[in-house]
C-alpha atoms as a PDB file:
ATOM      1  CA  MET A   1      -0.037   0.014   0.021  1.00  0.00           C
ATOM      2  CA  GLN A   2       1.475   3.430  -1.045  1.00  0.00           C
ATOM      3  CA  ILE A   3       1.134   6.088   1.500  1.00  0.00           C
ATOM      4  CA  TYR A   4       1.401   9.821   0.112  1.00  0.00           C
ATOM      5  CA  TRP A   5       2.584  12.246   2.803  1.00  0.00           C
ATOM      6  CA  THR A   6       1.622  15.701   1.530  1.00  0.00           C
ATOM      7  CA  LYS A   7       1.129  19.318   3.187  1.00  0.00           C
ATOM      8  CA  ILE A   8      -1.823  21.493   3.645  1.00  0.00           C
ATOM      9  CA  ASN A   9      -1.454  24.561   1.247  1.00  0.00           C
ATOM     10  CA  THR A  10      -4.828  26.399   2.009  1.00  0.00           C
ATOM     11  CA  ILE A  11      -7.617  26.278   4.658  1.00  0.00           C
ATOM     12  CA  ILE A  12     -11.092  27.562   3.579  1.00  0.00           C
ATOM     13  CA  GLU A  13     -13.626  28.503   6.224  1.00  0.00           C
ATOM     14  CA  GLU A  14     -16.574  27.409   3.970  1.00  0.00           C
ATOM     15  CA  THR A  15     -18.958  27.993   6.967  1.00  0.00           C
ATOM     16  CA  SER A  16     -18.668  28.443  10.870  1.00  0.00           C
ATOM     17  CA  GLU A  17     -18.344  24.510  10.886  1.00  0.00           C
ATOM     18  CA  VAL A  18     -17.111  23.408   7.344  1.00  0.00           C
ATOM     19  CA  LYS A  19     -13.719  23.581   6.406  1.00  0.00           C
ATOM     20  CA  THR A  20     -11.927  22.765   3.118  1.00  0.00           C
ATOM     21  CA  PHE A  21      -8.287  21.668   3.266  1.00  0.00           C
ATOM     22  CA  LEU A  22      -6.343  21.852   0.038  1.00  0.00           C
ATOM     23  CA  LEU A  23      -3.507  19.566  -0.060  1.00  0.00           C
ATOM     24  CA  ASP A  24      -0.471  19.662  -2.330  1.00  0.00           C
ATOM     25  CA  LEU A  25      -0.693  17.078  -5.131  1.00  0.00           C
ATOM     26  CA  PRO A  26       1.936  14.317  -4.623  1.00  0.00           C
ATOM     27  CA  GLU A  27       3.553  12.912  -7.651  1.00  0.00           C
ATOM     28  CA  GLY A  28       1.680   9.854  -8.942  1.00  0.00           C
ATOM     29  CA  PHE A  29      -1.643  10.544  -6.937  1.00  0.00           C
ATOM     30  CA  THR A  30      -4.406  10.580  -9.466  1.00  0.00           C
ATOM     31  CA  TRP A  31      -8.206  10.204  -9.021  1.00  0.00           C
ATOM     32  CA  GLU A  32     -11.491  10.636 -11.173  1.00  0.00           C
ATOM     33  CA  GLU A  33     -14.702  12.400 -10.210  1.00  0.00           C
ATOM     34  CA  GLY A  34     -16.748  10.844  -7.139  1.00  0.00           C
ATOM     35  CA  ALA A  35     -13.396   9.435  -5.616  1.00  0.00           C
ATOM     36  CA  HIS A  36     -12.599   9.083  -2.030  1.00  0.00           C
ATOM     37  CA  THR A  37      -9.331   8.466  -0.001  1.00  0.00           C
ATOM     38  CA  HIS A  38      -8.266   7.661   3.420  1.00  0.00           C
ATOM     39  CA  LEU A  39      -6.895  10.694   5.264  1.00  0.00           C
ATOM     40  CA  ALA A  40      -4.639  10.014   8.110  1.00  0.00           C
ATOM     41  CA  LEU A  41      -3.089  12.310  10.680  1.00  0.00           C
ATOM     42  CA  GLU A  42       0.476  12.400  11.944  1.00  0.00           C
ATOM     43  CA  GLY A  43       1.322   9.367  14.132  1.00  0.00           C
ATOM     44  CA  PHE A  44      -1.297   7.044  12.807  1.00  0.00           C
ATOM     45  CA  ASN A  45       1.455   4.386  11.787  1.00  0.00           C
ATOM     46  CA  ALA A  46       3.852   4.992  14.554  1.00  0.00           C
ATOM     47  CA  GLY A  47       3.082   1.753  16.508  1.00  0.00           C
ATOM     48  CA  ASP A  48       3.023  -1.802  15.361  1.00  0.00           C
ATOM     49  CA  GLN A  49      -0.725  -1.434  14.280  1.00  0.00           C
ATOM     50  CA  PRO A  50      -2.234   1.750  12.603  1.00  0.00           C
ATOM     51  CA  ASN A  51      -3.980   3.899  15.021  1.00  0.00           C
ATOM     52  CA  LYS A  52      -7.493   3.742  13.195  1.00  0.00           C
ATOM     53  CA  SER A  53      -8.759   6.629  15.423  1.00  0.00           C
ATOM     54  CA  LEU A  54      -6.324   8.923  13.374  1.00  0.00           C
ATOM     55  CA  VAL A  55      -7.742   7.821   9.937  1.00  0.00           C
ATOM     56  CA  ARG A  56     -10.806   8.652   8.141  1.00  0.00           C
ATOM     57  CA  HIS A  57     -12.523   7.923   4.913  1.00  0.00           C
ATOM     58  CA  MET A  58     -12.874  11.204   3.025  1.00  0.00           C
ATOM     59  CA  SER A  59     -14.471  12.432  -0.338  1.00  0.00           C
ATOM     60  CA  ILE A  60     -12.106  14.287  -2.709  1.00  0.00           C
ATOM     61  CA  SER A  61     -14.040  17.539  -3.438  1.00  0.00           C
ATOM     62  CA  THR A  62     -11.706  18.825  -6.320  1.00  0.00           C
ATOM     63  CA  LEU A  63     -10.445  17.581  -9.788  1.00  0.00           C
ATOM     64  CA  PRO A  64      -6.882  16.894 -10.685  1.00  0.00           C
ATOM     65  CA  ASN A  65      -6.826  19.775 -12.944  1.00  0.00           C
ATOM     66  CA  GLU A  66      -7.405  22.146  -9.955  1.00  0.00           C
ATOM     67  CA  GLN A  67      -3.673  21.239  -8.866  1.00  0.00           C
ATOM     68  CA  SER A  68      -4.950  20.527  -5.294  1.00  0.00           C
ATOM     69  CA  ILE A  69      -6.587  17.566  -3.253  1.00  0.00           C
ATOM     70  CA  GLY A  70      -9.777  19.061  -1.541  1.00  0.00           C
ATOM     71  CA  ILE A  71     -10.853  17.517   1.515  1.00  0.00           C
ATOM     72  CA  THR A  72     -14.167  19.251   2.772  1.00  0.00           C
ATOM     73  CA  THR A  73     -15.634  18.318   6.193  1.00  0.00           C
ATOM     74  CA  ARG A  74     -17.900  19.433   8.920  1.00  0.00           C
ATOM     75  CA  ILE A  75     -16.229  19.925  12.244  1.00  0.00           C
ATOM     76  CA  ARG A  76     -18.697  20.654  15.360  1.00  0.00           C
ATOM     77  CA  GLU A  77     -17.648  22.055  18.618  1.00  0.00           C
ATOM     78  CA  GLN A  78     -18.187  18.642  20.219  1.00  0.00           C
ATOM     79  CA  CYS A  79     -16.333  16.324  17.854  1.00  0.00           C
ATOM     80  CA  SER A  80     -13.983  13.020  17.674  1.00  0.00           C
ATOM     81  CA  GLU A  81     -10.394  13.047  18.379  1.00  0.00           C
ATOM     82  CA  PHE A  82      -9.747  12.911  14.589  1.00  0.00           C
ATOM     83  CA  LYS A  83     -11.844  15.966  13.974  1.00  0.00           C
ATOM     84  CA  SER A  84     -10.262  17.997  16.973  1.00  0.00           C
ATOM     85  CA  ILE A  85      -6.826  17.570  15.643  1.00  0.00           C
ATOM     86  CA  LEU A  86      -7.826  18.394  12.054  1.00  0.00           C
ATOM     87  CA  ARG A  87      -9.441  21.614  13.240  1.00  0.00           C
ATOM     88  CA  ASN A  88      -6.127  22.740  14.781  1.00  0.00           C
ATOM     89  CA  LEU A  89      -4.031  21.973  11.769  1.00  0.00           C
ATOM     90  CA  GLU A  90      -2.425  24.863   9.974  1.00  0.00           C
ATOM     91  CA  ILE A  91      -0.994  25.732   6.495  1.00  0.00           C
ATOM     92  CA  GLY A  92       2.329  23.485   6.295  1.00  0.00           C
ATOM     93  CA  ASN A  93       1.234  20.657   8.371  1.00  0.00           C
ATOM     94  CA  GLU A  94       1.527  17.231   6.971  1.00  0.00           C
ATOM     95  CA  VAL A  95      -1.157  14.470   6.389  1.00  0.00           C
ATOM     96  CA  ALA A  96      -1.258  11.168   4.656  1.00  0.00           C
ATOM     97  CA  LEU A  97      -3.351   9.859   2.014  1.00  0.00           C
ATOM     98  CA  PHE A  98      -3.784   6.258   0.732  1.00  0.00           C
ATOM     99  CA  LYS A  99      -6.192   4.027  -0.817  1.00  0.00           C
ATOM    100  CA  ILE A 100      -7.896   6.078  -3.777  1.00  0.00           C
ATOM    101  CA  HIS A 101     -11.325   4.667  -5.075  1.00  0.00           C
ATOM    102  CA  SER A 102     -14.352   6.028  -6.917  1.00  0.00           C
ATOM    103  CA  ASN A 103     -17.816   4.455  -6.321  1.00  0.00           C
ATOM    104  CA  VAL A 104     -19.713   7.229  -7.919  1.00  0.00           C
ATOM    105  CA  PRO A 105     -18.300   8.381 -11.287  1.00  0.00           C
ATOM    106  CA  LEU A 106     -20.611   9.938 -13.996  1.00  0.00           C
ATOM    107  CA  LYS A 107     -22.649   7.378 -15.918  1.00  0.00           C
ATOM    108  CA  ARG A 108     -22.907   8.553 -19.602  1.00  0.00           C
ATOM    109  CA  GLU A 109     -25.865   6.606 -20.745  1.00  0.00           C
ATOM    110  CA  ASP A 110     -28.191   9.328 -22.184  1.00  0.00           C
ATOM    111  CA  LYS A 111     -30.201   9.605 -19.124  1.00  0.00           C
ATOM    112  CA  SER A 112     -30.938  12.253 -16.440  1.00  0.00           C
ATOM    113  CA  ILE A 113     -28.883  12.155 -13.336  1.00  0.00           C
ATOM    114  CA  TYR A 114     -30.293  13.080  -9.889  1.00  0.00           C
ATOM    115  CA  LEU A 115     -27.725  14.016  -7.044  1.00  0.00           C
ATOM    116  CA  LEU A 116     -29.430  13.567  -3.606  1.00  0.00           C
ATOM    117  CA  SER A 117     -27.306  14.714  -0.654  1.00  0.00           C
ATOM    118  CA  SER A 118     -27.366  16.014   2.629  1.00  0.00           C
ATOM    119  CA  GLY A 119     -25.160  18.967   3.958  1.00  0.00           C
ATOM    120  CA  VAL A 120     -21.637  18.365   3.344  1.00  0.00           C
ATOM    121  CA  GLY A 121     -22.433  15.432   1.109  1.00  0.00           C
ATOM    122  CA  LEU A 122     -22.113  17.962  -1.558  1.00  0.00           C
ATOM    123  CA  ALA A 123     -18.292  17.720  -1.423  1.00  0.00           C
ATOM    124  CA  THR A 124     -18.654  14.171  -3.186  1.00  0.00           C
ATOM    125  CA  PHE A 125     -20.786  15.883  -6.004  1.00  0.00           C
ATOM    126  CA  ARG A 126     -18.870  19.034  -6.509  1.00  0.00           C
ATOM    127  CA  PRO A 127     -16.324  17.249  -8.990  1.00  0.00           C
ATOM    128  CA  LEU A 128     -19.192  15.463 -10.775  1.00  0.00           C
ATOM    129  CA  ILE A 129     -20.765  18.696 -11.619  1.00  0.00           C
ATOM    130  CA  LEU A 130     -17.576  20.296 -12.754  1.00  0.00           C
ATOM    131  CA  THR A 131     -16.825  17.282 -14.940  1.00  0.00           C
ATOM    132  CA  TYR A 132     -20.262  17.363 -16.340  1.00  0.00           C
ATOM    133  CA  LEU A 133     -20.102  21.030 -17.164  1.00  0.00           C
ATOM    134  CA  GLU A 134     -17.019  20.687 -18.868  1.00  0.00           C
ATOM    135  CA  ARG A 135     -18.169  17.575 -20.829  1.00  0.00           C
ATOM    136  CA  PRO A 136     -21.762  17.046 -20.847  1.00  0.00           C
ATOM    137  CA  ASP A 137     -21.694  14.119 -23.352  1.00  0.00           C
ATOM    138  CA  ASN A 138     -24.371  11.367 -23.098  1.00  0.00           C
ATOM    139  CA  ILE A 139     -25.892  12.945 -20.104  1.00  0.00           C
ATOM    140  CA  SER A 140     -29.460  14.369 -20.631  1.00  0.00           C
ATOM    141  CA  HIS A 141     -29.654  16.595 -17.529  1.00  0.00           C
ATOM    142  CA  ILE A 142     -28.286  16.679 -13.954  1.00  0.00           C
ATOM    143  CA  ASN A 143     -30.482  17.967 -10.972  1.00  0.00           C
ATOM    144  CA  SER A 144     -28.777  18.355  -7.547  1.00  0.00           C
ATOM    145  CA  LEU A 145     -31.026  18.222  -4.403  1.00  0.00           C
ATOM    146  CA  ASN A 146     -29.428  19.169  -1.274  1.00  0.00           C
ATOM    147  CA  ILE A 147     -31.013  19.317   2.389  1.00  0.00           C
ATOM    148  CA  ASP A 148     -29.261  21.534   4.806  1.00  0.00           C
ATOM    149  CA  SER A 149     -31.139  22.961   7.967  1.00  0.00           C
ATOM    150  CA  THR A 150     -28.254  25.430   8.599  1.00  0.00           C
ATOM    151  CA  LYS A 151     -28.986  27.217   5.429  1.00  0.00           C
ATOM    152  CA  ASN A 152     -25.355  27.900   4.881  1.00  0.00           C
ATOM    153  CA  TYR A 153     -25.347  26.162   1.626  1.00  0.00           C
ATOM    154  CA  LEU A 154     -22.086  25.069   0.325  1.00  0.00           C
ATOM    155  CA  PHE A 155     -20.362  25.559  -3.032  1.00  0.00           C
ATOM    156  CA  THR A 156     -22.983  28.038  -4.613  1.00  0.00           C
ATOM    157  CA  ASP A 157     -20.500  29.046  -7.027  1.00  0.00           C
ATOM    158  CA  VAL A 158     -20.553  25.657  -8.666  1.00  0.00           C
ATOM    159  CA  PHE A 159     -24.228  24.545  -7.445  1.00  0.00           C
ATOM    160  CA  LYS A 160     -26.073  27.169  -9.558  1.00  0.00           C
ATOM    161  CA  SER A 161     -28.933  26.250 -11.943  1.00  0.00           C
ATOM    162  CA  ALA A 162     -27.797  26.779 -15.806  1.00  0.00           C
ATOM    163  CA  SER A 163     -30.684  25.970 -17.987  1.00  0.00           C
ATOM    164  CA  ASP A 164     -28.460  26.396 -20.986  1.00  0.00           C
ATOM    165  CA  LYS A 165     -26.272  23.442 -19.755  1.00  0.00           C
ATOM    166  CA  ASN A 166     -29.287  21.325 -18.565  1.00  0.00           C
ATOM    167  CA  PHE A 167     -28.029  21.587 -14.768  1.00  0.00           C
ATOM    168  CA  THR A 168     -30.609  22.272 -11.941  1.00  0.00           C
ATOM    169  CA  SER A 169     -29.627  23.040  -8.449  1.00  0.00           C
ATOM    170  CA  GLN A 170     -31.980  22.973  -5.485  1.00  0.00           C
ATOM    171  CA  TYR A 171     -31.418  23.485  -1.741  1.00  0.00           C
ATOM    172  CA  VAL A 172     -34.018  22.794   0.899  1.00  0.00           C
ATOM    173  CA  ASP A 173     -33.886  23.398   4.679  1.00  0.00           C
ATOM    174  CA  ASN A 174     -36.263  20.823   5.886  1.00  0.00           C
ATOM    175  CA  ARG A 175     -36.751  17.080   5.575  1.00  0.00           C
ATOM    176  CA  ASN A 176     -40.405  17.234   4.606  1.00  0.00           C
ATOM    177  CA  ASP A 177     -39.760  19.497   1.509  1.00  0.00           C
ATOM    178  CA  TYR A 178     -36.631  17.329   0.757  1.00  0.00           C
ATOM    179  CA  TYR A 179     -38.839  14.069   0.329  1.00  0.00           C
ATOM    180  CA  GLU A 180     -41.526  15.913  -1.462  1.00  0.00           C
ATOM    181  CA  GLU A 181     -38.982  16.936  -3.889  1.00  0.00           C
ATOM    182  CA  VAL A 182     -37.496  13.431  -4.106  1.00  0.00           C
ATOM    183  CA  LYS A 183     -40.828  12.135  -4.974  1.00  0.00           C
ATOM    184  CA  LYS A 184     -41.074  14.598  -7.942  1.00  0.00           C
ATOM    185  CA  LEU A 185     -37.642  13.585  -9.166  1.00  0.00           C
ATOM    186  CA  ALA A 186     -38.784   9.847  -9.179  1.00  0.00           C
ATOM    187  CA  LEU A 187     -41.322  10.719 -11.743  1.00  0.00           C
ATOM    188  CA  ASP A 188     -38.527  10.103 -14.095  1.00  0.00           C
ATOM    189  CA  GLN A 189     -38.702   6.388 -13.981  1.00  0.00           C
ATOM    190  CA  ASP A 190     -35.499   6.006 -16.532  1.00  0.00           C
ATOM    191  CA  GLY A 191     -33.287   8.374 -14.210  1.00  0.00           C
ATOM    192  CA  LEU A 192     -30.173   7.296 -12.218  1.00  0.00           C
ATOM    193  CA  PHE A 193     -30.243   8.495  -8.668  1.00  0.00           C
ATOM    194  CA  TYR A 194     -26.929   9.065  -6.717  1.00  0.00           C
ATOM    195  CA  VAL A 195     -27.240   9.375  -2.998  1.00  0.00           C
ATOM    196  CA  VAL A 196     -24.534  10.544  -0.432  1.00  0.00           C
ATOM    197  CA  GLY A 197     -25.249  10.823   3.343  1.00  0.00           C
ATOM    198  CA  SER A 198     -25.450   9.053   6.693  1.00  0.00           C
ATOM    199  CA  ASP A 199     -26.471   5.684   6.474  1.00  0.00           C
ATOM    200  CA  GLU A 200     -29.819   6.501   7.750  1.00  0.00           C
ATOM    201  CA  PHE A 201     -30.163   9.119   5.050  1.00  0.00           C
ATOM    202  CA  ILE A 202     -29.284   6.674   2.358  1.00  0.00           C
ATOM    203  CA  MET A 203     -31.867   4.086   3.679  1.00  0.00           C
ATOM    204  CA  GLN A 204     -34.656   6.744   3.786  1.00  0.00           C
ATOM    205  CA  ASN A 205     -34.066   7.788   0.244  1.00  0.00           C
ATOM    206  CA  ILE A 206     -33.970   4.096  -1.134  1.00  0.00           C
ATOM    207  CA  ASP A 207     -37.256   3.774   0.555  1.00  0.00           C
ATOM    208  CA  VAL A 208     -38.794   6.641  -1.122  1.00  0.00           C
ATOM    209  CA  LEU A 209     -37.373   5.958  -4.562  1.00  0.00           C
ATOM    210  CA  ARG A 210     -38.397   2.182  -4.511  1.00  0.00           C
ATOM    211  CA  GLU A 211     -41.876   3.111  -3.273  1.00  0.00           C
ATOM    212  CA  HIS A 212     -42.130   5.382  -6.439  1.00  0.00           C
ATOM    213  CA  GLY A 213     -41.045   2.937  -8.833  1.00  0.00           C
ATOM    214  CA  ILE A 214     -37.272   3.232  -8.962  1.00  0.00           C
ATOM    215  CA  LYS A 215     -35.264   0.104  -9.318  1.00  0.00           C
ATOM    216  CA  PRO A 216     -31.980  -0.645  -7.155  1.00  0.00           C
ATOM    217  CA  GLU A 217     -29.861  -0.784 -10.249  1.00  0.00           C
ATOM    218  CA  GLN A 218     -30.808   2.912 -10.960  1.00  0.00           C
ATOM    219  CA  ILE A 219     -29.630   3.960  -7.505  1.00  0.00           C
ATOM    220  CA  MET A 220     -25.865   4.822  -6.980  1.00  0.00           C
ATOM    221  CA  LEU A 221     -24.288   4.750  -3.614  1.00  0.00           C
ATOM    222  CA  ASP A 222     -21.073   6.162  -2.351  1.00  0.00           C
ATOM    223  CA  LYS A 223     -20.173   2.688  -0.788  1.00  0.00           C
ATOM    224  CA  ARG A 224     -17.893  -0.186  -1.680  1.00  0.00           C
ATOM    225  CA  GLY A 225     -19.604  -3.177  -3.458  1.00  0.00           C
ATOM    226  CA  GLN A 226     -19.786  -5.422  -0.355  1.00  0.00           C
ATOM    227  CA  GLN A 227     -21.522  -2.902   1.650  1.00  0.00           C
ATOM    228  CA  ILE A 228     -24.384  -1.900  -0.702  1.00  0.00           C
ATOM    229  CA  PRO A 229     -26.518  -5.036  -0.431  1.00  0.00           C
ATOM    230  CA  LYS A 230     -27.381  -4.102   3.215  1.00  0.00           C
ATOM    231  CA  PHE A 231     -28.870  -0.879   2.043  1.00  0.00           C
ATOM    232  CA  PHE A 232     -31.312  -2.723  -0.296  1.00  0.00           C
ATOM    233  CA  SER A 233     -32.312  -5.398   2.357  1.00  0.00           C
ATOM    234  CA  VAL A 234     -32.979  -3.460   5.587  1.00  0.00           C
ATOM    235  CA  GLU A 235     -36.324  -1.668   5.651  1.00  0.00           C
ATOM    236  CA  SER A 236     -36.291   1.820   7.178  1.00  0.00           C
ATOM    237  CA  SER A 237     -39.090   4.358   7.924  1.00  0.00           C
ATOM    238  CA  ILE A 238     -39.018   7.978   7.329  1.00  0.00           C
END
């Protein structure tokens, strides 16, 4: 397993609770839209066994042509040891990256794509939108729907509707409105639905989509293959 040690070059305060850490791009580190990586803090591999409390699975919120690896995350006042250390890191501090994989690349099947997310889940979808706007081939339309009760919506420079590019961006601030919008989107029985968020959020979306005729093969999750079956076998309630 290759470990890429790299430095923080920029820290962006997206909101009072959300930060984006832009990391130097190590030689040989490549990824595609929808990718995630493992982010590890100094000392994670100091002992005989890796300290898993200093490692987190994180989406990459940038594309390679932006020349930085973006990690966008919410850090609340009461948080884990990992987030507490991350919050206090400064420009020039080192972190480690390893195991890059993409579960949700854009599918170019001449269908509409619906991106369903909660809060900072937009970080996963930002590169998908940038890729689509640059090359919209074989995608009919993209619609992003995000629920964020803070109303401090993220990446509004990217997530803005553009009718000439067949891109619609929606934000809602409560669950009822969100699921009513999901039901409307599900009227497209041929669409592809990408879901990013907590496990509970994912299962609730799957329930609504399936109740409205969307098949499991139309629902894309930011999960590894072996994890996916459990989301389609467990019943949950909204």
